[in-house]
């Protein structure tokens, strides 16, 4: 996190169990001008969300090991931290709009980095 916090567009929590995929996501989110914290699963993500008040966007994969997948995490975020924006990604399944929490946006893997960056910027403009 060598970025100047005054220049950051906000803090994004990236939740992805695959280390290489997480590294890629963290890199492009940072390149888009955001600060990033990482979680390897939904339980770790909830612990981070409970400990911090500065997270503005959660970027989560659906398919993760453990009792909470990315969809359940997204619903928990919407219920417990309503102002946080949500981006959901998956290479395995494509949820229908009715499955997504309010204001959540879905991208299929492999996702278009430019499209996700545009969405991050749109979300950042709302806070």
C-alpha atoms as a PDB file:
ATOM      1  CA  UNK A   1       0.000   0.000   0.000  1.00  0.00           C
ATOM      2  CA  UNK A   2       2.517   2.559  -1.130  1.00  0.00           C
ATOM      3  CA  UNK A   3      -0.213   4.701  -2.671  1.00  0.00           C
ATOM      4  CA  UNK A   4      -0.824   8.217  -1.331  1.00  0.00           C
ATOM      5  CA  UNK A   5      -4.096   7.891   0.629  1.00  0.00           C
ATOM      6  CA  UNK A   6      -5.114  11.372  -0.482  1.00  0.00           C
ATOM      7  CA  UNK A   7      -5.017  10.184  -4.085  1.00  0.00           C
ATOM      8  CA  UNK A   8      -6.771   6.868  -3.486  1.00  0.00           C
ATOM      9  CA  UNK A   9     -10.263   6.459  -4.900  1.00  0.00           C
ATOM     10  CA  UNK A  10     -11.181   4.328  -1.878  1.00  0.00           C
ATOM     11  CA  UNK A  11     -10.487   0.996  -0.237  1.00  0.00           C
ATOM     12  CA  UNK A  12     -11.481  -2.253  -1.960  1.00  0.00           C
ATOM     13  CA  UNK A  13     -11.648  -5.637  -0.227  1.00  0.00           C
ATOM     14  CA  UNK A  14     -10.683  -8.366  -2.716  1.00  0.00           C
ATOM     15  CA  UNK A  15     -11.977 -11.820  -1.683  1.00  0.00           C
ATOM     16  CA  UNK A  16     -10.541 -14.683  -3.756  1.00  0.00           C
ATOM     17  CA  UNK A  17      -9.303 -18.089  -2.632  1.00  0.00           C
ATOM     18  CA  UNK A  18      -6.955 -18.703  -5.591  1.00  0.00           C
ATOM     19  CA  UNK A  19      -3.692 -16.865  -4.760  1.00  0.00           C
ATOM     20  CA  UNK A  20      -2.676 -16.096  -8.372  1.00  0.00           C
ATOM     21  CA  UNK A  21      -6.143 -14.871  -9.305  1.00  0.00           C
ATOM     22  CA  UNK A  22      -6.207 -12.756  -6.129  1.00  0.00           C
ATOM     23  CA  UNK A  23      -2.790 -11.267  -6.991  1.00  0.00           C
ATOM     24  CA  UNK A  24      -4.068 -10.365 -10.466  1.00  0.00           C
ATOM     25  CA  UNK A  25      -7.241  -8.768  -9.066  1.00  0.00           C
ATOM     26  CA  UNK A  26      -5.296  -6.809  -6.443  1.00  0.00           C
ATOM     27  CA  UNK A  27      -2.865  -5.545  -9.093  1.00  0.00           C
ATOM     28  CA  UNK A  28      -5.512  -4.253 -11.494  1.00  0.00           C
ATOM     29  CA  UNK A  29      -7.614  -2.706  -8.698  1.00  0.00           C
ATOM     30  CA  UNK A  30      -4.505  -0.888  -7.439  1.00  0.00           C
ATOM     31  CA  UNK A  31      -3.672   0.157 -11.018  1.00  0.00           C
ATOM     32  CA  UNK A  32      -7.187   1.649 -11.192  1.00  0.00           C
ATOM     33  CA  UNK A  33      -6.269   3.961  -8.301  1.00  0.00           C
ATOM     34  CA  UNK A  34      -7.694   2.123  -5.293  1.00  0.00           C
ATOM     35  CA  UNK A  35      -6.122   0.842  -2.107  1.00  0.00           C
ATOM     36  CA  UNK A  36      -6.699  -2.863  -1.470  1.00  0.00           C
ATOM     37  CA  UNK A  37      -6.987  -5.298   1.398  1.00  0.00           C
ATOM     38  CA  UNK A  38      -7.126  -9.024   0.666  1.00  0.00           C
ATOM     39  CA  UNK A  39      -9.029 -12.002   2.040  1.00  0.00           C
ATOM     40  CA  UNK A  40      -8.609 -15.649   1.039  1.00  0.00           C
ATOM     41  CA  UNK A  41     -12.159 -16.625   2.027  1.00  0.00           C
ATOM     42  CA  UNK A  42     -15.462 -15.189   3.172  1.00  0.00           C
ATOM     43  CA  UNK A  43     -14.821 -15.773   6.883  1.00  0.00           C
ATOM     44  CA  UNK A  44     -11.604 -13.750   6.666  1.00  0.00           C
ATOM     45  CA  UNK A  45     -13.500 -11.071   4.700  1.00  0.00           C
ATOM     46  CA  UNK A  46     -16.170 -10.760   7.409  1.00  0.00           C
ATOM     47  CA  UNK A  47     -13.465 -10.423  10.079  1.00  0.00           C
ATOM     48  CA  UNK A  48     -11.850  -7.612   8.057  1.00  0.00           C
ATOM     49  CA  UNK A  49     -15.202  -5.875   7.528  1.00  0.00           C
ATOM     50  CA  UNK A  50     -15.957  -6.091  11.252  1.00  0.00           C
ATOM     51  CA  UNK A  51     -12.555  -4.571  12.094  1.00  0.00           C
ATOM     52  CA  UNK A  52     -12.515  -1.725   9.548  1.00  0.00           C
ATOM     53  CA  UNK A  53     -14.871   1.098   8.691  1.00  0.00           C
ATOM     54  CA  UNK A  54     -13.082   2.367   5.568  1.00  0.00           C
ATOM     55  CA  UNK A  55     -13.930  -0.358   3.027  1.00  0.00           C
ATOM     56  CA  UNK A  56     -16.027   1.057   0.196  1.00  0.00           C
ATOM     57  CA  UNK A  57     -16.209  -1.849  -2.294  1.00  0.00           C
ATOM     58  CA  UNK A  58     -16.139  -5.636  -1.886  1.00  0.00           C
ATOM     59  CA  UNK A  59     -14.867  -7.530  -4.941  1.00  0.00           C
ATOM     60  CA  UNK A  60     -15.627 -11.229  -4.381  1.00  0.00           C
ATOM     61  CA  UNK A  61     -15.500 -14.517  -6.222  1.00  0.00           C
ATOM     62  CA  UNK A  62     -18.581 -16.709  -5.776  1.00  0.00           C
ATOM     63  CA  UNK A  63     -16.799 -20.046  -5.598  1.00  0.00           C
ATOM     64  CA  UNK A  64     -14.776 -20.370  -2.406  1.00  0.00           C
ATOM     65  CA  UNK A  65     -14.213 -23.137   0.101  1.00  0.00           C
ATOM     66  CA  UNK A  66     -15.831 -22.962   3.502  1.00  0.00           C
ATOM     67  CA  UNK A  67     -19.328 -22.479   4.812  1.00  0.00           C
ATOM     68  CA  UNK A  68     -19.831 -19.078   3.172  1.00  0.00           C
ATOM     69  CA  UNK A  69     -19.522 -18.618  -0.594  1.00  0.00           C
ATOM     70  CA  UNK A  70     -19.293 -15.278  -2.361  1.00  0.00           C
ATOM     71  CA  UNK A  71     -23.056 -14.950  -2.833  1.00  0.00           C
ATOM     72  CA  UNK A  72     -23.703 -15.456   0.884  1.00  0.00           C
ATOM     73  CA  UNK A  73     -20.905 -13.004   1.628  1.00  0.00           C
ATOM     74  CA  UNK A  74     -22.453 -10.441  -0.729  1.00  0.00           C
ATOM     75  CA  UNK A  75     -25.845 -10.809   0.967  1.00  0.00           C
ATOM     76  CA  UNK A  76     -24.211 -10.429   4.402  1.00  0.00           C
ATOM     77  CA  UNK A  77     -22.397  -7.288   3.228  1.00  0.00           C
ATOM     78  CA  UNK A  78     -25.650  -5.806   1.904  1.00  0.00           C
ATOM     79  CA  UNK A  79     -27.446  -6.598   5.193  1.00  0.00           C
ATOM     80  CA  UNK A  80     -24.719  -5.556   7.647  1.00  0.00           C
ATOM     81  CA  UNK A  81     -22.850  -2.854   5.721  1.00  0.00           C
ATOM     82  CA  UNK A  82     -25.447  -1.367   3.319  1.00  0.00           C
ATOM     83  CA  UNK A  83     -23.292   1.505   1.966  1.00  0.00           C
ATOM     84  CA  UNK A  84     -20.591  -0.863   0.661  1.00  0.00           C
ATOM     85  CA  UNK A  85     -20.720  -1.498  -3.084  1.00  0.00           C
ATOM     86  CA  UNK A  86     -20.367  -5.098  -4.320  1.00  0.00           C
ATOM     87  CA  UNK A  87     -18.769  -6.674  -7.391  1.00  0.00           C
ATOM     88  CA  UNK A  88     -19.272 -10.440  -7.756  1.00  0.00           C
ATOM     89  CA  UNK A  89     -17.247 -12.582 -10.178  1.00  0.00           C
ATOM     90  CA  UNK A  90     -17.305 -16.259 -11.128  1.00  0.00           C
ATOM     91  CA  UNK A  91     -15.967 -18.593 -13.746  1.00  0.00           C
ATOM     92  CA  UNK A  92     -18.296 -21.382 -12.647  1.00  0.00           C
ATOM     93  CA  UNK A  93     -21.783 -19.947 -12.469  1.00  0.00           C
ATOM     94  CA  UNK A  94     -23.778 -17.025 -13.743  1.00  0.00           C
ATOM     95  CA  UNK A  95     -26.351 -15.865 -11.221  1.00  0.00           C
ATOM     96  CA  UNK A  96     -29.575 -14.369 -12.502  1.00  0.00           C
ATOM     97  CA  UNK A  97     -30.280 -10.778 -11.500  1.00  0.00           C
ATOM     98  CA  UNK A  98     -32.806 -11.857  -8.858  1.00  0.00           C
ATOM     99  CA  UNK A  99     -30.046 -13.778  -7.023  1.00  0.00           C
ATOM    100  CA  UNK A 100     -27.842 -10.701  -6.696  1.00  0.00           C
ATOM    101  CA  UNK A 101     -28.137  -8.405  -3.682  1.00  0.00           C
ATOM    102  CA  UNK A 102     -29.304  -4.857  -4.362  1.00  0.00           C
ATOM    103  CA  UNK A 103     -26.720  -2.744  -6.222  1.00  0.00           C
ATOM    104  CA  UNK A 104     -24.390  -5.736  -6.735  1.00  0.00           C
ATOM    105  CA  UNK A 105     -22.806  -6.132 -10.169  1.00  0.00           C
ATOM    106  CA  UNK A 106     -21.731  -9.473 -11.684  1.00  0.00           C
ATOM    107  CA  UNK A 107     -18.858 -10.189 -14.091  1.00  0.00           C
ATOM    108  CA  UNK A 108     -18.092 -13.616 -15.583  1.00  0.00           C
ATOM    109  CA  UNK A 109     -14.478 -14.812 -15.479  1.00  0.00           C
ATOM    110  CA  UNK A 110     -12.326 -14.201 -17.319  1.00  0.00           C
ATOM    111  CA  UNK A 111     -13.574 -10.676 -16.799  1.00  0.00           C
ATOM    112  CA  UNK A 112     -12.767  -7.650 -18.903  1.00  0.00           C
ATOM    113  CA  UNK A 113     -10.436  -5.554 -16.725  1.00  0.00           C
ATOM    114  CA  UNK A 114     -11.507  -2.338 -18.469  1.00  0.00           C
ATOM    115  CA  UNK A 115     -15.193  -3.077 -17.819  1.00  0.00           C
ATOM    116  CA  UNK A 116     -14.528  -3.885 -14.153  1.00  0.00           C
ATOM    117  CA  UNK A 117     -12.374  -0.751 -13.796  1.00  0.00           C
ATOM    118  CA  UNK A 118     -15.193   1.353 -15.265  1.00  0.00           C
ATOM    119  CA  UNK A 119     -17.590  -0.175 -12.734  1.00  0.00           C
ATOM    120  CA  UNK A 120     -15.150   0.465  -9.863  1.00  0.00           C
ATOM    121  CA  UNK A 121     -14.895   4.111 -10.952  1.00  0.00           C
ATOM    122  CA  UNK A 122     -18.698   4.395 -11.178  1.00  0.00           C
ATOM    123  CA  UNK A 123     -19.040   2.951  -7.675  1.00  0.00           C
ATOM    124  CA  UNK A 124     -16.304   5.221  -6.309  1.00  0.00           C
ATOM    125  CA  UNK A 125     -18.144   8.267  -7.651  1.00  0.00           C
ATOM    126  CA  UNK A 126     -21.090   7.381  -5.390  1.00  0.00           C
ATOM    127  CA  UNK A 127     -19.154   7.897  -2.146  1.00  0.00           C
END
